Structures are given as C-alpha cells and as structure tokens.
Amino acid sequence: MVNLTIWGICLCITTIFSILMHEIGHGISYYFQGLSVSTGFNKVGNVDRKPSQSNFRKDFFNNSLKWDLGVPITLGVAIISTLILFYTSNIYMKFILFTIAIVNSILRLLPMVNVLVCFLRTSEIYKEDEIEMGLVWFDITDNKFLSYVPPAISIVVSVICYIVLMLNMDDIILVSTFTTGSITLTMVISFVVNFKIISILDEHYRINWRV
C-alpha cells in the first residue's frame, strides 16, 4: 500500500521532470527556428541570463515561433501514459503511469483555467503558450478561428485525460482506500510546494540553446 506522503513525493518529482521536458521542448523549438535562448524549469529567456536579472527577457519575444514543442510534449505524455496505463498489469507500473498522466494533464489544464479566470476578472488575456501560438497562427493565416485551436486542444485533451484517470483511479493505482478529496488535496499541496522548488531550480540551472 502506498500512502499519501509517498504519492505526494512522487507527484513533486514527476512535476519537476515534466516541466523540465516542457521547457526543453521550448528550447528545441527556438533552436531549430534559428533563435538562441536559455531554458530552465519554468521560464524561457535570453542566453546566459537568469530570471532574476532585469535583462532576462530584454528584446525577447515569446510569440516569434511558428511552431513550438512545449505544449505538444506535455499533452503527448499525458495521452500516451493514460493509454498505456490500461494495458499494463503491473501494479507498480500502473502507479507510476497514473502519476505521470495526472501531472501532465494538470500542467496544461491549470494554465488554461488561469487564463479564463484572469479574463473574467480583468478582461485581459494572459498569454500562456497556447494563447501565443493561437495569435501566431492568426497573424500567419488571418483566420481568427485558428487562434482558438491551441487552447481548445489543451483544454479538451487535459480534461478528458483527467476525468478518465480520476474515474478509474481505484482500479489503476495502489491507493484505492483514498478518497477523491484526499487525492485532490495531495495534488494541490504538491503543486504549491513545487512552485517554490521550481523557482529555485529555474534560477540556478539553465540550458543555453545557442544558434
């Protein structure tokens, strides 16, 4: 039996590595489109710069990419791990896959919820990755519909994966005695703890993608 503390630790570790993979996706995208950047565990900025420095994003434009692998990597991991989960009989592998799947679905769902909340409160659109990509597609094609496609995909994929996972969690992880409330609370706590950890890692560990 795996207790909530152990699962919380697994959530923290999985979240850190999942965000790192997301940021590496950004780095690869910029690099192959001829732009030098630095990536870490949260933010993309100028080469040899840290988030705490005033020139971290001087003359830096997030929406300069025609394509970006950051979001597709996160959603892809969520989809693949959710699908494999139901074809795996090993209980420990199910536990690992469940953790990976739930983390990666939430990693794109939370930003989209934040965009909606900010819009309802201030009437301003917070430029998350999906929003910026939609704006780029709109600029390229002059088709307003395409501006809604990236955020719509993120929301639909994240919600479907999350619902499927939560509805079947009793059958696929070792915590069948846990309530939905305790599962949710553990996830909230792990994300709050990770916010501080990720900020520290983002400041001190950077990857420079030099063209």
N, C-alpha and C. Protein backbone atom coordinates (compact mmCIF):
# COMPACT_ATOMS: atom_id res chain seq x y z
N MET A 1 0.85 -1.19 0.00
CA MET A 1 0.00 0.00 0.00
C MET A 1 0.89 1.26 0.00
N VAL A 2 0.58 2.17 -0.87
CA VAL A 2 1.31 3.42 -0.95
C VAL A 2 0.51 4.51 -0.24
N ASN A 3 1.14 5.20 0.71
CA ASN A 3 0.40 6.23 1.43
C ASN A 3 0.48 7.57 0.71
N LEU A 4 -0.28 8.52 1.20
CA LEU A 4 -0.38 9.82 0.54
C LEU A 4 0.94 10.59 0.54
N THR A 5 1.73 10.41 1.59
CA THR A 5 3.02 11.10 1.66
C THR A 5 3.94 10.65 0.54
N ILE A 6 4.02 9.34 0.34
CA ILE A 6 4.85 8.79 -0.73
C ILE A 6 4.35 9.27 -2.08
N TRP A 7 3.01 9.25 -2.25
CA TRP A 7 2.46 9.68 -3.53
C TRP A 7 2.71 11.18 -3.75
N GLY A 8 2.65 11.96 -2.67
CA GLY A 8 2.93 13.39 -2.77
C GLY A 8 4.36 13.64 -3.23
N ILE A 9 5.30 12.86 -2.70
CA ILE A 9 6.71 12.99 -3.10
C ILE A 9 6.86 12.61 -4.58
N CYS A 10 6.17 11.55 -4.98
CA CYS A 10 6.21 11.12 -6.39
C CYS A 10 5.64 12.20 -7.30
N LEU A 11 4.57 12.84 -6.84
CA LEU A 11 3.97 13.93 -7.60
C LEU A 11 4.97 15.08 -7.78
N CYS A 12 5.68 15.44 -6.72
CA CYS A 12 6.65 16.53 -6.79
C CYS A 12 7.75 16.22 -7.79
N ILE A 13 8.31 15.02 -7.69
CA ILE A 13 9.40 14.63 -8.59
C ILE A 13 8.92 14.58 -10.04
N THR A 14 7.75 14.00 -10.24
CA THR A 14 7.19 13.90 -11.59
C THR A 14 6.90 15.27 -12.18
N THR A 15 6.38 16.18 -11.36
CA THR A 15 6.08 17.52 -11.82
C THR A 15 7.33 18.25 -12.26
N ILE A 16 8.39 18.15 -11.47
CA ILE A 16 9.65 18.82 -11.81
C ILE A 16 10.19 18.34 -13.15
N PHE A 17 10.24 17.02 -13.34
CA PHE A 17 10.78 16.48 -14.59
C PHE A 17 9.85 16.74 -15.77
N SER A 18 8.55 16.75 -15.53
CA SER A 18 7.60 17.03 -16.60
C SER A 18 7.72 18.48 -17.08
N ILE A 19 7.89 19.39 -16.15
CA ILE A 19 8.08 20.80 -16.52
C ILE A 19 9.41 20.98 -17.24
N LEU A 20 10.43 20.28 -16.79
CA LEU A 20 11.73 20.35 -17.46
C LEU A 20 11.61 19.90 -18.91
N MET A 21 10.90 18.81 -19.16
CA MET A 21 10.70 18.32 -20.53
C MET A 21 9.93 19.34 -21.36
N HIS A 22 8.95 19.98 -20.74
CA HIS A 22 8.17 21.02 -21.42
C HIS A 22 9.08 22.17 -21.85
N GLU A 23 9.94 22.60 -20.94
CA GLU A 23 10.86 23.71 -21.24
C GLU A 23 11.91 23.31 -22.27
N ILE A 24 12.37 22.07 -22.22
CA ILE A 24 13.31 21.58 -23.24
C ILE A 24 12.64 21.61 -24.61
N GLY A 25 11.34 21.30 -24.63
CA GLY A 25 10.58 21.40 -25.88
C GLY A 25 10.62 22.81 -26.43
N HIS A 26 10.50 23.81 -25.55
CA HIS A 26 10.62 25.21 -25.97
C HIS A 26 12.01 25.46 -26.55
N GLY A 27 13.03 24.99 -25.83
CA GLY A 27 14.41 25.22 -26.26
C GLY A 27 14.69 24.64 -27.63
N ILE A 28 14.24 23.41 -27.87
CA ILE A 28 14.42 22.77 -29.17
C ILE A 28 13.73 23.58 -30.26
N SER A 29 12.53 24.05 -29.96
CA SER A 29 11.75 24.80 -30.93
C SER A 29 12.44 26.10 -31.33
N TYR A 30 12.93 26.83 -30.34
CA TYR A 30 13.65 28.07 -30.64
C TYR A 30 14.93 27.78 -31.42
N TYR A 31 15.66 26.78 -30.98
CA TYR A 31 16.95 26.45 -31.61
C TYR A 31 16.78 26.12 -33.09
N PHE A 32 15.82 25.28 -33.42
CA PHE A 32 15.65 24.87 -34.82
C PHE A 32 14.95 25.93 -35.67
N GLN A 33 14.49 27.00 -35.03
CA GLN A 33 13.95 28.13 -35.79
C GLN A 33 14.90 29.32 -35.77
N GLY A 34 16.17 29.01 -35.41
CA GLY A 34 17.23 29.99 -35.53
C GLY A 34 17.31 31.03 -34.45
N LEU A 35 16.81 30.73 -33.26
CA LEU A 35 16.81 31.69 -32.17
C LEU A 35 17.54 31.12 -30.95
N SER A 36 18.45 31.90 -30.41
CA SER A 36 19.19 31.48 -29.22
C SER A 36 18.43 31.88 -27.96
N VAL A 37 18.22 30.92 -27.06
CA VAL A 37 17.51 31.19 -25.81
C VAL A 37 18.10 30.34 -24.70
N SER A 38 17.69 30.63 -23.49
CA SER A 38 18.02 29.76 -22.36
C SER A 38 16.72 29.24 -21.77
N THR A 39 16.71 28.00 -21.37
CA THR A 39 15.54 27.42 -20.73
C THR A 39 15.96 26.84 -19.38
N GLY A 40 14.98 26.74 -18.50
CA GLY A 40 15.26 26.17 -17.19
C GLY A 40 14.14 25.26 -16.77
N PHE A 41 13.56 25.53 -15.61
CA PHE A 41 12.47 24.72 -15.09
C PHE A 41 11.13 25.46 -15.11
N ASN A 42 11.13 26.66 -15.72
CA ASN A 42 9.87 27.41 -15.75
C ASN A 42 9.81 28.45 -16.86
N LYS A 43 10.88 29.25 -17.03
CA LYS A 43 10.82 30.38 -17.93
C LYS A 43 11.88 30.30 -19.04
N VAL A 44 11.52 30.86 -20.20
CA VAL A 44 12.44 30.97 -21.33
C VAL A 44 12.91 32.41 -21.41
N GLY A 45 14.21 32.60 -21.60
CA GLY A 45 14.74 33.96 -21.69
C GLY A 45 16.00 34.02 -22.52
N ASN A 46 16.73 35.10 -22.36
CA ASN A 46 17.95 35.31 -23.14
C ASN A 46 19.08 34.40 -22.66
N VAL A 47 19.97 34.08 -23.58
CA VAL A 47 21.12 33.22 -23.28
C VAL A 47 21.98 33.85 -22.19
N ASP A 48 22.48 33.01 -21.29
CA ASP A 48 23.35 33.44 -20.19
C ASP A 48 22.69 34.41 -19.23
N ARG A 49 21.38 34.36 -19.16
CA ARG A 49 20.65 35.22 -18.23
C ARG A 49 19.80 34.37 -17.30
N LYS A 50 19.55 34.91 -16.10
CA LYS A 50 18.71 34.24 -15.12
C LYS A 50 17.42 35.02 -14.93
N PRO A 51 16.34 34.36 -14.51
CA PRO A 51 15.05 35.04 -14.34
C PRO A 51 15.10 36.25 -13.42
N SER A 52 16.02 36.27 -12.45
CA SER A 52 16.10 37.38 -11.51
C SER A 52 16.76 38.62 -12.11
N GLN A 53 17.43 38.47 -13.24
CA GLN A 53 18.14 39.59 -13.86
C GLN A 53 17.19 40.44 -14.70
N SER A 54 17.40 41.75 -14.66
CA SER A 54 16.50 42.68 -15.34
C SER A 54 16.49 42.50 -16.86
N ASN A 55 17.60 42.02 -17.42
CA ASN A 55 17.68 41.84 -18.87
C ASN A 55 17.40 40.40 -19.30
N PHE A 56 16.73 39.65 -18.41
CA PHE A 56 16.44 38.24 -18.71
C PHE A 56 15.63 38.10 -19.99
N ARG A 57 14.69 39.02 -20.19
CA ARG A 57 13.85 38.96 -21.39
C ARG A 57 13.88 40.26 -22.19
N LYS A 58 14.97 41.01 -22.07
CA LYS A 58 15.08 42.24 -22.83
C LYS A 58 15.11 41.93 -24.33
N ASP A 59 14.25 42.60 -25.09
CA ASP A 59 14.13 42.38 -26.54
C ASP A 59 13.79 40.93 -26.89
N PHE A 60 13.14 40.25 -25.96
CA PHE A 60 12.79 38.85 -26.18
C PHE A 60 11.30 38.75 -26.47
N PHE A 61 10.94 37.97 -27.51
CA PHE A 61 9.55 37.86 -27.90
C PHE A 61 9.13 36.39 -27.89
N ASN A 62 8.21 36.03 -27.01
CA ASN A 62 7.75 34.64 -26.93
C ASN A 62 6.97 34.21 -28.15
N ASN A 63 6.28 35.16 -28.79
CA ASN A 63 5.40 34.78 -29.89
C ASN A 63 6.08 34.82 -31.25
N SER A 64 7.42 34.64 -31.26
CA SER A 64 8.15 34.68 -32.51
C SER A 64 8.23 33.31 -33.18
N LEU A 65 7.70 32.28 -32.54
CA LEU A 65 7.78 30.92 -33.08
C LEU A 65 6.56 30.58 -33.94
N LYS A 66 6.82 29.92 -35.06
CA LYS A 66 5.71 29.43 -35.90
C LYS A 66 5.20 28.08 -35.40
N TRP A 67 6.04 27.38 -34.67
CA TRP A 67 5.64 26.13 -34.03
C TRP A 67 6.43 25.96 -32.75
N ASP A 68 5.88 25.21 -31.82
CA ASP A 68 6.51 25.06 -30.51
C ASP A 68 6.17 23.68 -29.95
N LEU A 69 7.19 22.98 -29.47
CA LEU A 69 7.01 21.61 -28.98
C LEU A 69 6.66 21.52 -27.50
N GLY A 70 6.69 22.65 -26.79
CA GLY A 70 6.47 22.61 -25.34
C GLY A 70 5.15 21.98 -24.96
N VAL A 71 4.06 22.55 -25.44
CA VAL A 71 2.72 22.04 -25.11
C VAL A 71 2.48 20.65 -25.70
N PRO A 72 2.82 20.39 -26.99
CA PRO A 72 2.62 19.05 -27.54
C PRO A 72 3.33 17.95 -26.75
N ILE A 73 4.51 18.24 -26.21
CA ILE A 73 5.22 17.25 -25.41
C ILE A 73 4.43 16.92 -24.15
N THR A 74 3.96 17.95 -23.46
CA THR A 74 3.18 17.74 -22.23
C THR A 74 1.90 16.98 -22.49
N LEU A 75 1.16 17.40 -23.51
CA LEU A 75 -0.10 16.72 -23.85
C LEU A 75 0.16 15.31 -24.36
N GLY A 76 1.23 15.15 -25.13
CA GLY A 76 1.57 13.83 -25.65
C GLY A 76 1.89 12.85 -24.54
N VAL A 77 2.63 13.31 -23.54
CA VAL A 77 2.96 12.46 -22.39
C VAL A 77 1.69 12.08 -21.64
N ALA A 78 0.78 13.04 -21.48
CA ALA A 78 -0.49 12.77 -20.78
C ALA A 78 -1.30 11.72 -21.52
N ILE A 79 -1.41 11.85 -22.83
CA ILE A 79 -2.19 10.91 -23.64
C ILE A 79 -1.57 9.52 -23.64
N ILE A 80 -0.27 9.46 -23.93
CA ILE A 80 0.42 8.16 -24.05
C ILE A 80 0.42 7.41 -22.73
N SER A 81 0.75 8.10 -21.64
CA SER A 81 0.79 7.42 -20.33
C SER A 81 -0.60 6.97 -19.90
N THR A 82 -1.64 7.74 -20.26
CA THR A 82 -3.02 7.34 -19.93
C THR A 82 -3.40 6.09 -20.71
N LEU A 83 -3.06 6.03 -21.98
CA LEU A 83 -3.39 4.87 -22.81
C LEU A 83 -2.64 3.63 -22.37
N ILE A 84 -1.33 3.76 -22.14
CA ILE A 84 -0.52 2.61 -21.74
C ILE A 84 -0.99 2.07 -20.40
N LEU A 85 -1.46 2.97 -19.56
CA LEU A 85 -1.92 2.60 -18.21
C LEU A 85 -2.92 1.45 -18.24
N PHE A 86 -3.84 1.49 -19.21
CA PHE A 86 -4.90 0.48 -19.26
C PHE A 86 -4.47 -0.83 -19.91
N TYR A 87 -3.24 -0.87 -20.40
CA TYR A 87 -2.71 -2.10 -20.99
C TYR A 87 -1.59 -2.69 -20.15
N THR A 88 -1.41 -2.13 -18.95
CA THR A 88 -0.36 -2.58 -18.05
C THR A 88 -0.96 -3.33 -16.88
N SER A 89 -0.41 -4.48 -16.59
CA SER A 89 -0.92 -5.30 -15.49
C SER A 89 -0.14 -5.10 -14.20
N ASN A 90 1.13 -4.69 -14.31
CA ASN A 90 1.97 -4.50 -13.13
C ASN A 90 1.44 -3.33 -12.29
N ILE A 91 1.15 -3.58 -11.03
CA ILE A 91 0.51 -2.57 -10.19
C ILE A 91 1.43 -1.38 -9.93
N TYR A 92 2.72 -1.62 -9.84
CA TYR A 92 3.65 -0.52 -9.60
C TYR A 92 3.82 0.35 -10.84
N MET A 93 3.83 -0.29 -12.02
CA MET A 93 3.91 0.46 -13.26
C MET A 93 2.64 1.28 -13.46
N LYS A 94 1.50 0.73 -13.04
CA LYS A 94 0.25 1.49 -13.11
C LYS A 94 0.32 2.75 -12.24
N PHE A 95 0.88 2.60 -11.06
CA PHE A 95 1.02 3.72 -10.15
C PHE A 95 1.88 4.82 -10.76
N ILE A 96 3.01 4.43 -11.36
CA ILE A 96 3.92 5.39 -11.99
C ILE A 96 3.25 6.08 -13.17
N LEU A 97 2.59 5.30 -14.01
CA LEU A 97 1.93 5.86 -15.19
C LEU A 97 0.79 6.79 -14.80
N PHE A 98 0.06 6.41 -13.76
CA PHE A 98 -1.03 7.27 -13.28
C PHE A 98 -0.48 8.62 -12.84
N THR A 99 0.61 8.60 -12.09
CA THR A 99 1.21 9.83 -11.60
C THR A 99 1.68 10.71 -12.75
N ILE A 100 2.36 10.10 -13.73
CA ILE A 100 2.84 10.85 -14.90
C ILE A 100 1.67 11.44 -15.67
N ALA A 101 0.64 10.65 -15.88
CA ALA A 101 -0.51 11.09 -16.67
C ALA A 101 -1.27 12.21 -15.99
N ILE A 102 -1.53 12.08 -14.70
CA ILE A 102 -2.31 13.09 -13.98
C ILE A 102 -1.55 14.41 -13.89
N VAL A 103 -0.24 14.33 -13.68
CA VAL A 103 0.58 15.55 -13.60
C VAL A 103 0.58 16.30 -14.92
N ASN A 104 0.80 15.58 -16.02
CA ASN A 104 0.90 16.25 -17.32
C ASN A 104 -0.44 16.77 -17.82
N SER A 105 -1.53 16.15 -17.41
CA SER A 105 -2.84 16.70 -17.77
C SER A 105 -3.11 17.99 -17.01
N ILE A 106 -2.74 18.02 -15.74
CA ILE A 106 -2.95 19.20 -14.91
C ILE A 106 -2.04 20.35 -15.33
N LEU A 107 -0.82 20.03 -15.80
CA LEU A 107 0.14 21.06 -16.17
C LEU A 107 -0.34 21.96 -17.29
N ARG A 108 -1.27 21.47 -18.13
CA ARG A 108 -1.83 22.35 -19.16
C ARG A 108 -3.24 22.80 -18.81
N LEU A 109 -3.91 22.07 -17.95
CA LEU A 109 -5.26 22.47 -17.55
C LEU A 109 -5.23 23.69 -16.64
N LEU A 110 -4.31 23.72 -15.68
CA LEU A 110 -4.22 24.84 -14.76
C LEU A 110 -3.94 26.17 -15.46
N PRO A 111 -2.97 26.22 -16.40
CA PRO A 111 -2.75 27.49 -17.10
C PRO A 111 -3.97 27.96 -17.88
N MET A 112 -4.72 27.02 -18.47
CA MET A 112 -5.91 27.40 -19.23
C MET A 112 -7.01 27.94 -18.30
N VAL A 113 -7.13 27.34 -17.12
CA VAL A 113 -8.08 27.83 -16.14
C VAL A 113 -7.66 29.23 -15.68
N ASN A 114 -6.36 29.42 -15.49
CA ASN A 114 -5.84 30.72 -15.08
C ASN A 114 -6.14 31.79 -16.13
N VAL A 115 -6.01 31.43 -17.41
CA VAL A 115 -6.34 32.36 -18.50
C VAL A 115 -7.80 32.78 -18.41
N LEU A 116 -8.67 31.80 -18.19
CA LEU A 116 -10.11 32.08 -18.11
C LEU A 116 -10.44 32.96 -16.91
N VAL A 117 -9.87 32.65 -15.76
CA VAL A 117 -10.13 33.42 -14.54
C VAL A 117 -9.64 34.86 -14.70
N CYS A 118 -8.43 35.02 -15.25
CA CYS A 118 -7.88 36.37 -15.46
C CYS A 118 -8.75 37.17 -16.43
N PHE A 119 -9.25 36.49 -17.46
CA PHE A 119 -10.10 37.17 -18.43
C PHE A 119 -11.41 37.63 -17.79
N LEU A 120 -12.00 36.76 -16.98
CA LEU A 120 -13.26 37.10 -16.32
C LEU A 120 -13.09 38.23 -15.30
N ARG A 121 -11.91 38.30 -14.66
CA ARG A 121 -11.67 39.30 -13.63
C ARG A 121 -11.22 40.64 -14.20
N THR A 122 -10.40 40.60 -15.26
CA THR A 122 -9.79 41.83 -15.76
C THR A 122 -10.10 42.13 -17.22
N SER A 123 -10.72 41.18 -17.92
CA SER A 123 -11.00 41.30 -19.36
C SER A 123 -9.71 41.31 -20.19
N GLU A 124 -8.62 40.91 -19.57
CA GLU A 124 -7.35 40.79 -20.28
C GLU A 124 -6.99 39.33 -20.45
N ILE A 125 -6.35 39.01 -21.57
CA ILE A 125 -5.98 37.63 -21.86
C ILE A 125 -4.53 37.40 -21.47
N TYR A 126 -4.32 36.50 -20.52
CA TYR A 126 -2.97 36.15 -20.08
C TYR A 126 -2.33 35.26 -21.13
N LYS A 127 -1.15 35.64 -21.61
CA LYS A 127 -0.54 34.95 -22.76
C LYS A 127 0.22 33.69 -22.35
N GLU A 128 -0.51 32.62 -22.14
CA GLU A 128 0.11 31.31 -21.97
C GLU A 128 0.56 30.80 -23.34
N ASP A 129 1.28 29.68 -23.34
CA ASP A 129 1.84 29.14 -24.58
C ASP A 129 0.78 28.96 -25.66
N GLU A 130 -0.36 28.39 -25.27
CA GLU A 130 -1.42 28.12 -26.25
C GLU A 130 -2.00 29.40 -26.84
N ILE A 131 -2.14 30.41 -26.00
CA ILE A 131 -2.68 31.69 -26.45
C ILE A 131 -1.73 32.34 -27.45
N GLU A 132 -0.45 32.32 -27.14
CA GLU A 132 0.55 32.93 -28.02
C GLU A 132 0.62 32.20 -29.36
N MET A 133 0.56 30.87 -29.32
CA MET A 133 0.60 30.11 -30.56
C MET A 133 -0.63 30.40 -31.41
N GLY A 134 -1.78 30.52 -30.77
CA GLY A 134 -3.00 30.85 -31.49
C GLY A 134 -2.90 32.22 -32.17
N LEU A 135 -2.29 33.19 -31.48
CA LEU A 135 -2.10 34.52 -32.05
C LEU A 135 -1.16 34.48 -33.25
N VAL A 136 -0.13 33.65 -33.16
CA VAL A 136 0.80 33.50 -34.28
C VAL A 136 0.08 32.91 -35.49
N TRP A 137 -0.71 31.87 -35.26
CA TRP A 137 -1.46 31.25 -36.36
C TRP A 137 -2.43 32.25 -36.99
N PHE A 138 -3.03 33.10 -36.15
CA PHE A 138 -3.94 34.12 -36.66
C PHE A 138 -3.19 35.14 -37.52
N ASP A 139 -2.00 35.55 -37.06
CA ASP A 139 -1.20 36.51 -37.83
C ASP A 139 -0.78 35.93 -39.17
N ILE A 140 -0.46 34.63 -39.18
CA ILE A 140 0.01 34.00 -40.41
C ILE A 140 -1.13 33.79 -41.41
N THR A 141 -2.29 33.37 -40.92
CA THR A 141 -3.39 32.97 -41.81
C THR A 141 -4.52 33.99 -41.91
N ASP A 142 -4.57 34.92 -40.95
CA ASP A 142 -5.67 35.88 -40.84
C ASP A 142 -7.00 35.16 -40.62
N ASN A 143 -6.91 33.96 -40.04
CA ASN A 143 -8.10 33.16 -39.73
C ASN A 143 -8.29 33.17 -38.21
N LYS A 144 -9.29 33.91 -37.74
CA LYS A 144 -9.49 34.06 -36.31
C LYS A 144 -9.79 32.74 -35.62
N PHE A 145 -10.45 31.82 -36.33
CA PHE A 145 -10.80 30.52 -35.76
C PHE A 145 -9.55 29.79 -35.27
N LEU A 146 -8.46 29.88 -36.03
CA LEU A 146 -7.23 29.17 -35.68
C LEU A 146 -6.62 29.68 -34.38
N SER A 147 -6.94 30.91 -34.00
CA SER A 147 -6.39 31.44 -32.75
C SER A 147 -6.95 30.71 -31.53
N TYR A 148 -8.12 30.07 -31.70
CA TYR A 148 -8.73 29.34 -30.58
C TYR A 148 -8.35 27.86 -30.55
N VAL A 149 -7.72 27.38 -31.62
CA VAL A 149 -7.44 25.95 -31.72
C VAL A 149 -6.45 25.46 -30.67
N PRO A 150 -5.27 26.09 -30.49
CA PRO A 150 -4.32 25.59 -29.48
C PRO A 150 -4.89 25.52 -28.07
N PRO A 151 -5.53 26.61 -27.56
CA PRO A 151 -6.09 26.49 -26.20
C PRO A 151 -7.22 25.47 -26.12
N ALA A 152 -8.02 25.35 -27.19
CA ALA A 152 -9.12 24.38 -27.18
C ALA A 152 -8.58 22.96 -27.10
N ILE A 153 -7.51 22.68 -27.85
CA ILE A 153 -6.90 21.34 -27.82
C ILE A 153 -6.38 21.03 -26.43
N SER A 154 -5.69 21.98 -25.82
CA SER A 154 -5.15 21.77 -24.47
C SER A 154 -6.24 21.47 -23.46
N ILE A 155 -7.31 22.25 -23.52
CA ILE A 155 -8.40 22.07 -22.57
C ILE A 155 -9.07 20.72 -22.76
N VAL A 156 -9.40 20.38 -24.00
CA VAL A 156 -10.11 19.13 -24.29
C VAL A 156 -9.27 17.92 -23.89
N VAL A 157 -8.00 17.90 -24.32
CA VAL A 157 -7.13 16.76 -24.02
C VAL A 157 -6.91 16.64 -22.51
N SER A 158 -6.62 17.75 -21.85
CA SER A 158 -6.35 17.73 -20.42
C SER A 158 -7.56 17.27 -19.62
N VAL A 159 -8.73 17.79 -19.96
CA VAL A 159 -9.96 17.44 -19.24
C VAL A 159 -10.31 15.97 -19.44
N ILE A 160 -10.20 15.49 -20.67
CA ILE A 160 -10.52 14.08 -20.95
C ILE A 160 -9.58 13.15 -20.18
N CYS A 161 -8.28 13.42 -20.24
CA CYS A 161 -7.31 12.58 -19.52
C CYS A 161 -7.57 12.62 -18.02
N TYR A 162 -7.81 13.81 -17.49
CA TYR A 162 -8.03 13.96 -16.05
C TYR A 162 -9.27 13.19 -15.60
N ILE A 163 -10.36 13.33 -16.34
CA ILE A 163 -11.61 12.66 -15.97
C ILE A 163 -11.46 11.14 -16.05
N VAL A 164 -10.86 10.67 -17.12
CA VAL A 164 -10.64 9.22 -17.29
C VAL A 164 -9.81 8.67 -16.14
N LEU A 165 -8.76 9.38 -15.78
CA LEU A 165 -7.87 8.93 -14.71
C LEU A 165 -8.57 8.92 -13.36
N MET A 166 -9.30 9.98 -13.05
CA MET A 166 -9.96 10.07 -11.75
C MET A 166 -11.11 9.07 -11.62
N LEU A 167 -11.82 8.80 -12.71
CA LEU A 167 -12.93 7.85 -12.67
C LEU A 167 -12.43 6.42 -12.49
N ASN A 168 -11.20 6.16 -12.91
CA ASN A 168 -10.68 4.80 -12.86
C ASN A 168 -9.55 4.63 -11.85
N MET A 169 -9.35 5.61 -10.98
CA MET A 169 -8.17 5.55 -10.11
C MET A 169 -8.22 4.37 -9.14
N ASP A 170 -9.41 3.93 -8.75
CA ASP A 170 -9.49 2.81 -7.82
C ASP A 170 -8.98 1.52 -8.44
N ASP A 171 -9.06 1.43 -9.76
CA ASP A 171 -8.66 0.21 -10.45
C ASP A 171 -7.21 0.24 -10.92
N ILE A 172 -6.59 1.43 -10.95
CA ILE A 172 -5.29 1.52 -11.61
C ILE A 172 -4.15 1.96 -10.70
N ILE A 173 -4.42 2.37 -9.46
CA ILE A 173 -3.33 2.71 -8.55
C ILE A 173 -3.52 2.00 -7.23
N LEU A 174 -2.48 2.09 -6.41
CA LEU A 174 -2.47 1.33 -5.16
C LEU A 174 -3.09 2.08 -4.00
N VAL A 175 -3.87 3.09 -4.30
CA VAL A 175 -4.42 3.91 -3.22
C VAL A 175 -5.95 3.87 -3.24
N SER A 176 -6.50 2.69 -3.42
CA SER A 176 -7.95 2.55 -3.56
C SER A 176 -8.71 2.96 -2.31
N THR A 177 -8.03 3.02 -1.15
CA THR A 177 -8.71 3.42 0.07
C THR A 177 -8.76 4.94 0.23
N PHE A 178 -8.05 5.67 -0.63
CA PHE A 178 -8.05 7.13 -0.55
C PHE A 178 -9.32 7.70 -1.15
N THR A 179 -9.76 8.79 -0.61
CA THR A 179 -10.93 9.46 -1.16
C THR A 179 -10.49 10.42 -2.27
N THR A 180 -11.45 10.83 -3.10
CA THR A 180 -11.15 11.80 -4.15
C THR A 180 -10.64 13.10 -3.54
N GLY A 181 -11.22 13.45 -2.38
CA GLY A 181 -10.80 14.67 -1.70
C GLY A 181 -9.35 14.63 -1.25
N SER A 182 -8.93 13.50 -0.69
CA SER A 182 -7.54 13.38 -0.21
C SER A 182 -6.57 13.35 -1.38
N ILE A 183 -6.98 12.72 -2.49
CA ILE A 183 -6.16 12.71 -3.70
C ILE A 183 -5.97 14.14 -4.21
N THR A 184 -7.07 14.87 -4.29
CA THR A 184 -7.03 16.24 -4.80
C THR A 184 -6.20 17.14 -3.89
N LEU A 185 -6.38 17.01 -2.57
CA LEU A 185 -5.63 17.82 -1.61
C LEU A 185 -4.13 17.55 -1.73
N THR A 186 -3.77 16.29 -1.88
CA THR A 186 -2.36 15.94 -2.03
C THR A 186 -1.77 16.58 -3.28
N MET A 187 -2.53 16.58 -4.37
CA MET A 187 -2.06 17.20 -5.61
C MET A 187 -1.88 18.69 -5.44
N VAL A 188 -2.82 19.34 -4.76
CA VAL A 188 -2.75 20.79 -4.54
C VAL A 188 -1.51 21.13 -3.71
N ILE A 189 -1.29 20.38 -2.63
CA ILE A 189 -0.14 20.62 -1.76
C ILE A 189 1.17 20.42 -2.52
N SER A 190 1.24 19.36 -3.33
CA SER A 190 2.47 19.08 -4.08
C SER A 190 2.77 20.19 -5.08
N PHE A 191 1.73 20.73 -5.72
CA PHE A 191 1.94 21.80 -6.68
C PHE A 191 2.38 23.09 -5.99
N VAL A 192 1.83 23.36 -4.80
CA VAL A 192 2.23 24.55 -4.05
C VAL A 192 3.69 24.44 -3.63
N VAL A 193 4.08 23.27 -3.12
CA VAL A 193 5.47 23.03 -2.72
C VAL A 193 6.39 23.15 -3.92
N ASN A 194 5.95 22.58 -5.04
CA ASN A 194 6.78 22.59 -6.25
C ASN A 194 7.00 23.99 -6.80
N PHE A 195 6.05 24.87 -6.59
CA PHE A 195 6.17 26.23 -7.11
C PHE A 195 7.45 26.89 -6.61
N LYS A 196 7.75 26.72 -5.32
CA LYS A 196 8.96 27.29 -4.74
C LYS A 196 10.20 26.55 -5.23
N ILE A 197 10.12 25.23 -5.25
CA ILE A 197 11.27 24.43 -5.69
C ILE A 197 11.64 24.76 -7.14
N ILE A 198 10.63 24.84 -7.99
CA ILE A 198 10.86 25.10 -9.41
C ILE A 198 11.45 26.49 -9.62
N SER A 199 11.01 27.47 -8.84
CA SER A 199 11.56 28.82 -8.95
C SER A 199 13.05 28.84 -8.63
N ILE A 200 13.44 28.07 -7.61
CA ILE A 200 14.86 27.99 -7.22
C ILE A 200 15.66 27.28 -8.31
N LEU A 201 15.15 26.16 -8.80
CA LEU A 201 15.84 25.42 -9.86
C LEU A 201 15.95 26.25 -11.13
N ASP A 202 14.89 26.99 -11.45
CA ASP A 202 14.87 27.80 -12.66
C ASP A 202 15.94 28.89 -12.61
N GLU A 203 16.22 29.38 -11.43
CA GLU A 203 17.21 30.45 -11.26
C GLU A 203 18.64 29.93 -11.40
N HIS A 204 18.88 28.71 -10.94
CA HIS A 204 20.26 28.21 -10.86
C HIS A 204 20.65 27.19 -11.92
N TYR A 205 19.69 26.60 -12.58
CA TYR A 205 20.02 25.58 -13.58
C TYR A 205 19.37 25.94 -14.91
N ARG A 206 20.21 26.41 -15.86
CA ARG A 206 19.73 26.87 -17.16
C ARG A 206 20.41 26.08 -18.27
N ILE A 207 19.69 25.90 -19.37
CA ILE A 207 20.27 25.31 -20.58
C ILE A 207 20.30 26.41 -21.64
N ASN A 208 21.49 26.68 -22.18
CA ASN A 208 21.63 27.70 -23.23
C ASN A 208 21.59 27.06 -24.60
N TRP A 209 20.61 27.45 -25.38
CA TRP A 209 20.44 26.93 -26.74
C TRP A 209 21.00 27.97 -27.70
N ARG A 210 22.25 27.81 -28.06
CA ARG A 210 22.94 28.79 -28.91
C ARG A 210 22.85 28.38 -30.38
N VAL A 211 22.44 29.32 -31.22
CA VAL A 211 22.38 29.07 -32.66
C VAL A 211 23.74 29.38 -33.27
